[in-house]
Every structure is written in C-alpha cells, then in structure tokens.
PDB file of N, CA and C in Angstrom:
ATOM      1  N   UNK A   1     -14.989   1.191  28.510  1.00  0.00           N
ATOM      2  CA  UNK A   1     -14.883   1.562  27.114  1.00  0.00           C
ATOM      3  C   UNK A   1     -16.292   1.593  26.509  1.00  0.00           C
ATOM      4  N   UNK A   2     -16.569   2.629  25.733  1.00  0.00           N
ATOM      5  CA  UNK A   2     -17.907   2.788  25.165  1.00  0.00           C
ATOM      6  C   UNK A   2     -18.140   1.800  24.035  1.00  0.00           C
ATOM      7  N   UNK A   3     -19.349   1.250  24.035  1.00  0.00           N
ATOM      8  CA  UNK A   3     -19.748   0.302  22.999  1.00  0.00           C
ATOM      9  C   UNK A   3     -21.034   0.821  22.368  1.00  0.00           C
ATOM     10  N   UNK A   4     -21.156   0.800  21.023  1.00  0.00           N
ATOM     11  CA  UNK A   4     -22.390   1.274  20.406  1.00  0.00           C
ATOM     12  C   UNK A   4     -23.595   0.443  20.852  1.00  0.00           C
ATOM     13  N   UNK A   5     -24.692   1.122  21.124  1.00  0.00           N
ATOM     14  CA  UNK A   5     -25.904   0.439  21.574  1.00  0.00           C
ATOM     15  C   UNK A   5     -26.524  -0.367  20.442  1.00  0.00           C
ATOM     16  N   UNK A   6     -26.532   0.223  19.223  1.00  0.00           N
ATOM     17  CA  UNK A   6     -27.090  -0.469  18.057  1.00  0.00           C
ATOM     18  C   UNK A   6     -26.071  -0.458  16.916  1.00  0.00           C
ATOM     19  N   UNK A   7     -26.244  -1.414  16.044  1.00  0.00           N
ATOM     20  CA  UNK A   7     -25.401  -1.509  14.863  1.00  0.00           C
ATOM     21  C   UNK A   7     -25.704  -0.355  13.914  1.00  0.00           C
ATOM     22  N   UNK A   8     -24.670   0.188  13.261  1.00  0.00           N
ATOM     23  CA  UNK A   8     -24.854   1.253  12.277  1.00  0.00           C
ATOM     24  C   UNK A   8     -25.456   0.650  11.009  1.00  0.00           C
ATOM     25  N   UNK A   9     -26.544   1.229  10.546  1.00  0.00           N
ATOM     26  CA  UNK A   9     -27.225   0.684   9.374  1.00  0.00           C
ATOM     27  C   UNK A   9     -26.410   0.935   8.106  1.00  0.00           C
ATOM     28  N   UNK A  10     -26.746   0.206   7.053  1.00  0.00           N
ATOM     29  CA  UNK A  10     -26.065   0.372   5.765  1.00  0.00           C
ATOM     30  C   UNK A  10     -26.243   1.784   5.231  1.00  0.00           C
ATOM     31  N   UNK A  11     -27.436   2.331   5.403  1.00  0.00           N
ATOM     32  CA  UNK A  11     -27.719   3.677   4.898  1.00  0.00           C
ATOM     33  C   UNK A  11     -26.861   4.721   5.600  1.00  0.00           C
ATOM     34  N   UNK A  12     -26.801   4.656   6.925  1.00  0.00           N
ATOM     35  CA  UNK A  12     -25.993   5.616   7.689  1.00  0.00           C
ATOM     36  C   UNK A  12     -24.516   5.499   7.344  1.00  0.00           C
ATOM     37  N   UNK A  13     -24.055   4.274   7.194  1.00  0.00           N
ATOM     38  CA  UNK A  13     -22.655   4.039   6.860  1.00  0.00           C
ATOM     39  C   UNK A  13     -22.335   4.609   5.475  1.00  0.00           C
ATOM     40  N   UNK A  14     -23.207   4.383   4.516  1.00  0.00           N
ATOM     41  CA  UNK A  14     -22.983   4.863   3.153  1.00  0.00           C
ATOM     42  C   UNK A  14     -23.108   6.373   3.057  1.00  0.00           C
ATOM     43  N   UNK A  15     -24.019   6.958   3.846  1.00  0.00           N
ATOM     44  CA  UNK A  15     -24.155   8.423   3.855  1.00  0.00           C
ATOM     45  C   UNK A  15     -22.898   9.073   4.411  1.00  0.00           C
ATOM     46  N   UNK A  16     -22.272   8.437   5.380  1.00  0.00           N
ATOM     47  CA  UNK A  16     -21.036   8.965   5.965  1.00  0.00           C
ATOM     48  C   UNK A  16     -19.880   8.885   4.973  1.00  0.00           C
ATOM     49  N   UNK A  17     -19.896   7.901   4.103  1.00  0.00           N
ATOM     50  CA  UNK A  17     -18.778   7.665   3.182  1.00  0.00           C
ATOM     51  C   UNK A  17     -19.003   8.239   1.780  1.00  0.00           C
ATOM     52  N   UNK A  18     -19.993   9.073   1.589  1.00  0.00           N
ATOM     53  CA  UNK A  18     -20.281   9.554   0.235  1.00  0.00           C
ATOM     54  C   UNK A  18     -19.157  10.406  -0.344  1.00  0.00           C
ATOM     55  N   UNK A  19     -18.399  11.081   0.498  1.00  0.00           N
ATOM     56  CA  UNK A  19     -17.317  11.922  -0.012  1.00  0.00           C
ATOM     57  C   UNK A  19     -16.022  11.142  -0.239  1.00  0.00           C
ATOM     58  N   UNK A  20     -15.989   9.881   0.127  1.00  0.00           N
ATOM     59  CA  UNK A  20     -14.794   9.061  -0.041  1.00  0.00           C
ATOM     60  C   UNK A  20     -14.855   8.315  -1.368  1.00  0.00           C
ATOM     61  N   UNK A  21     -14.688   9.023  -2.456  1.00  0.00           N
ATOM     62  CA  UNK A  21     -14.735   8.385  -3.767  1.00  0.00           C
ATOM     63  C   UNK A  21     -13.571   8.889  -4.617  1.00  0.00           C
ATOM     64  N   UNK A  22     -13.236   8.121  -5.606  1.00  0.00           N
ATOM     65  CA  UNK A  22     -12.126   8.481  -6.480  1.00  0.00           C
ATOM     66  C   UNK A  22     -12.545   9.587  -7.424  1.00  0.00           C
ATOM     67  N   UNK A  23     -11.595  10.444  -7.732  1.00  0.00           N
ATOM     68  CA  UNK A  23     -11.839  11.542  -8.663  1.00  0.00           C
ATOM     69  C   UNK A  23     -10.983  11.352  -9.906  1.00  0.00           C
ATOM     70  N   UNK A  24     -11.453  11.883 -11.000  1.00  0.00           N
ATOM     71  CA  UNK A  24     -10.694  11.836 -12.242  1.00  0.00           C
ATOM     72  C   UNK A  24      -9.566  12.846 -12.146  1.00  0.00           C
ATOM     73  N   UNK A  25      -8.365  12.403 -12.463  1.00  0.00           N
ATOM     74  CA  UNK A  25      -7.215  13.290 -12.400  1.00  0.00           C
ATOM     75  C   UNK A  25      -7.252  14.345 -13.488  1.00  0.00           C
ATOM     76  N   UNK A  26      -6.436  15.377 -13.313  1.00  0.00           N
ATOM     77  CA  UNK A  26      -6.373  16.470 -14.284  1.00  0.00           C
ATOM     78  C   UNK A  26      -5.699  15.998 -15.568  1.00  0.00           C
ATOM     79  N   UNK A  27      -6.176  16.482 -16.703  1.00  0.00           N
ATOM     80  CA  UNK A  27      -5.593  16.157 -17.997  1.00  0.00           C
ATOM     81  C   UNK A  27      -5.310  17.442 -18.759  1.00  0.00           C
ATOM     82  N   UNK A  28      -4.201  17.450 -19.473  1.00  0.00           N
ATOM     83  CA  UNK A  28      -3.863  18.554 -20.369  1.00  0.00           C
ATOM     84  C   UNK A  28      -3.591  17.972 -21.744  1.00  0.00           C
ATOM     85  N   UNK A  29      -3.458  18.818 -22.735  1.00  0.00           N
ATOM     86  CA  UNK A  29      -3.172  18.328 -24.079  1.00  0.00           C
ATOM     87  C   UNK A  29      -1.709  18.586 -24.419  1.00  0.00           C
ATOM     88  N   UNK A  30      -1.129  17.658 -25.134  1.00  0.00           N
ATOM     89  CA  UNK A  30       0.267  17.770 -25.556  1.00  0.00           C
ATOM     90  C   UNK A  30       0.380  18.893 -26.588  1.00  0.00           C
ATOM     91  N   UNK A  31       1.345  19.808 -26.442  1.00  0.00           N
ATOM     92  CA  UNK A  31       1.473  20.893 -27.417  1.00  0.00           C
ATOM     93  C   UNK A  31       1.943  20.423 -28.797  1.00  0.00           C
ATOM     94  N   UNK A  32       2.602  19.271 -28.862  1.00  0.00           N
ATOM     95  CA  UNK A  32       3.108  18.760 -30.144  1.00  0.00           C
ATOM     96  C   UNK A  32       2.031  18.013 -30.934  1.00  0.00           C
ATOM     97  N   UNK A  33       1.378  17.032 -30.279  1.00  0.00           N
ATOM     98  CA  UNK A  33       0.462  16.166 -31.025  1.00  0.00           C
ATOM     99  C   UNK A  33      -1.001  16.323 -30.607  1.00  0.00           C
ATOM    100  N   UNK A  34      -1.266  16.975 -29.477  1.00  0.00           N
ATOM    101  CA  UNK A  34      -2.640  17.177 -29.040  1.00  0.00           C
ATOM    102  C   UNK A  34      -3.228  16.034 -28.239  1.00  0.00           C
ATOM    103  N   UNK A  35      -2.435  15.037 -27.931  1.00  0.00           N
ATOM    104  CA  UNK A  35      -2.895  13.895 -27.137  1.00  0.00           C
ATOM    105  C   UNK A  35      -3.156  14.331 -25.694  1.00  0.00           C
ATOM    106  N   UNK A  36      -4.171  13.748 -25.048  1.00  0.00           N
ATOM    107  CA  UNK A  36      -4.470  14.051 -23.652  1.00  0.00           C
ATOM    108  C   UNK A  36      -3.449  13.346 -22.760  1.00  0.00           C
ATOM    109  N   UNK A  37      -2.767  14.115 -21.880  1.00  0.00           N
ATOM    110  CA  UNK A  37      -1.755  13.556 -20.989  1.00  0.00           C
ATOM    111  C   UNK A  37      -1.931  14.145 -19.596  1.00  0.00           C
ATOM    112  N   UNK A  38      -1.332  13.512 -18.598  1.00  0.00           N
ATOM    113  CA  UNK A  38      -1.315  14.051 -17.245  1.00  0.00           C
ATOM    114  C   UNK A  38      -0.301  15.197 -17.196  1.00  0.00           C
ATOM    115  N   UNK A  39      -0.515  16.206 -16.376  1.00  0.00           N
ATOM    116  CA  UNK A  39       0.411  17.341 -16.309  1.00  0.00           C
ATOM    117  C   UNK A  39       1.796  16.920 -15.806  1.00  0.00           C
ATOM    118  N   UNK A  40       2.818  17.582 -16.300  1.00  0.00           N
ATOM    119  CA  UNK A  40       4.213  17.392 -15.891  1.00  0.00           C
ATOM    120  C   UNK A  40       4.723  15.994 -16.184  1.00  0.00           C
ATOM    121  N   UNK A  41       4.260  15.411 -17.286  1.00  0.00           N
ATOM    122  CA  UNK A  41       4.722  14.093 -17.700  1.00  0.00           C
ATOM    123  C   UNK A  41       4.977  14.100 -19.201  1.00  0.00           C
ATOM    124  N   UNK A  42       5.875  13.239 -19.643  1.00  0.00           N
ATOM    125  CA  UNK A  42       6.177  13.134 -21.060  1.00  0.00           C
ATOM    126  C   UNK A  42       5.000  12.493 -21.791  1.00  0.00           C
ATOM    127  N   UNK A  43       4.779  12.919 -23.022  1.00  0.00           N
ATOM    128  CA  UNK A  43       3.698  12.365 -23.836  1.00  0.00           C
ATOM    129  C   UNK A  43       4.085  10.958 -24.270  1.00  0.00           C
ATOM    130  N   UNK A  44       3.169  10.019 -24.110  1.00  0.00           N
ATOM    131  CA  UNK A  44       3.463   8.637 -24.488  1.00  0.00           C
ATOM    132  C   UNK A  44       3.309   8.418 -25.979  1.00  0.00           C
ATOM    133  N   UNK A  45       2.630   9.317 -26.668  1.00  0.00           N
ATOM    134  CA  UNK A  45       2.419   9.154 -28.109  1.00  0.00           C
ATOM    135  C   UNK A  45       3.609   9.672 -28.912  1.00  0.00           C
ATOM    136  N   UNK A  46       4.055  10.903 -28.619  1.00  0.00           N
ATOM    137  CA  UNK A  46       5.150  11.485 -29.396  1.00  0.00           C
ATOM    138  C   UNK A  46       6.491  11.486 -28.647  1.00  0.00           C
ATOM    139  N   UNK A  47       6.477  11.360 -27.325  1.00  0.00           N
ATOM    140  CA  UNK A  47       7.716  11.280 -26.554  1.00  0.00           C
ATOM    141  C   UNK A  47       8.308  12.611 -26.165  1.00  0.00           C
ATOM    142  N   UNK A  48       7.560  13.710 -26.294  1.00  0.00           N
ATOM    143  CA  UNK A  48       8.091  15.039 -25.987  1.00  0.00           C
ATOM    144  C   UNK A  48       7.649  15.502 -24.609  1.00  0.00           C
ATOM    145  N   UNK A  49       8.523  16.277 -23.971  1.00  0.00           N
ATOM    146  CA  UNK A  49       8.203  16.944 -22.715  1.00  0.00           C
ATOM    147  C   UNK A  49       8.856  18.318 -22.760  1.00  0.00           C
ATOM    148  N   UNK A  50       8.049  19.366 -22.694  1.00  0.00           N
ATOM    149  CA  UNK A  50       8.531  20.755 -22.734  1.00  0.00           C
ATOM    150  C   UNK A  50       9.435  20.994 -23.945  1.00  0.00           C
ATOM    151  N   UNK A  51       8.939  20.660 -25.127  1.00  0.00           N
ATOM    152  CA  UNK A  51       9.639  20.868 -26.408  1.00  0.00           C
ATOM    153  C   UNK A  51      10.974  20.141 -26.501  1.00  0.00           C
ATOM    154  N   UNK A  52      11.173  19.100 -25.725  1.00  0.00           N
ATOM    155  CA  UNK A  52      12.381  18.290 -25.787  1.00  0.00           C
ATOM    156  C   UNK A  52      11.969  16.830 -25.897  1.00  0.00           C
ATOM    157  N   UNK A  53      12.579  16.118 -26.850  1.00  0.00           N
ATOM    158  CA  UNK A  53      12.249  14.708 -27.001  1.00  0.00           C
ATOM    159  C   UNK A  53      13.004  13.915 -25.939  1.00  0.00           C
ATOM    160  N   UNK A  54      12.255  13.285 -25.044  1.00  0.00           N
ATOM    161  CA  UNK A  54      12.857  12.516 -23.957  1.00  0.00           C
ATOM    162  C   UNK A  54      12.657  11.018 -24.140  1.00  0.00           C
ATOM    163  N   UNK A  55      11.710  10.614 -24.992  1.00  0.00           N
ATOM    164  CA  UNK A  55      11.460   9.208 -25.285  1.00  0.00           C
ATOM    165  C   UNK A  55      11.531   9.030 -26.792  1.00  0.00           C
ATOM    166  N   UNK A  56      12.365   8.115 -27.240  1.00  0.00           N
ATOM    167  CA  UNK A  56      12.462   7.865 -28.676  1.00  0.00           C
ATOM    168  C   UNK A  56      11.281   7.017 -29.111  1.00  0.00           C
ATOM    169  N   UNK A  57      10.583   7.488 -30.130  1.00  0.00           N
ATOM    170  CA  UNK A  57       9.412   6.776 -30.664  1.00  0.00           C
ATOM    171  C   UNK A  57       9.665   6.450 -32.122  1.00  0.00           C
ATOM    172  N   UNK A  58       9.095   5.335 -32.577  1.00  0.00           N
ATOM    173  CA  UNK A  58       9.185   4.980 -33.991  1.00  0.00           C
ATOM    174  C   UNK A  58       8.269   5.882 -34.802  1.00  0.00           C
ATOM    175  N   UNK A  59       8.706   6.267 -35.967  1.00  0.00           N
ATOM    176  CA  UNK A  59       7.912   7.120 -36.854  1.00  0.00           C
ATOM    177  C   UNK A  59       6.846   6.321 -37.612  1.00  0.00           C
ATOM    178  N   UNK A  60       6.870   4.978 -37.487  1.00  0.00           N
ATOM    179  CA  UNK A  60       5.917   4.130 -38.195  1.00  0.00           C
ATOM    180  C   UNK A  60       4.512   4.278 -37.629  1.00  0.00           C
ATOM    181  N   UNK A  61       4.382   4.620 -36.360  1.00  0.00           N
ATOM    182  CA  UNK A  61       3.079   4.703 -35.707  1.00  0.00           C
ATOM    183  C   UNK A  61       2.305   5.903 -36.085  1.00  0.00           C
TER     184      UNK A  61
END
C-alpha cells in the first residue's frame, strides 16, 4: 500500500480546499411586503405564499 513520503504542508492542504466553502443562498423579495425570503417558501413576515395566506400573523406587528 502506498504511503506518502512527506507530510502535506498546511499551504498545499489549504490550496486544495479553497473551493470547499459555503455560499450564500439565493434570496428573492416577497411580492406582498418586500421582505427578503428564500425562493419557494412562505414569507415569515406577512405569512403569504403565491398570493395565498398560509401562516396567520398578528396585525399588531
């Protein structure tokens, strides 16, 4: 079984892993209130999804 002759340095290891990072997910704006939300999800501020209220929200907020 092959064994590495030398240890991989921190620099080489980090250069190999540069593309393995988290990305910011896509955001869209709610058509009712304009709040930034993830696509295909109900708005947490107003409770609407595709012009239908799916979450009841208090009007006090």
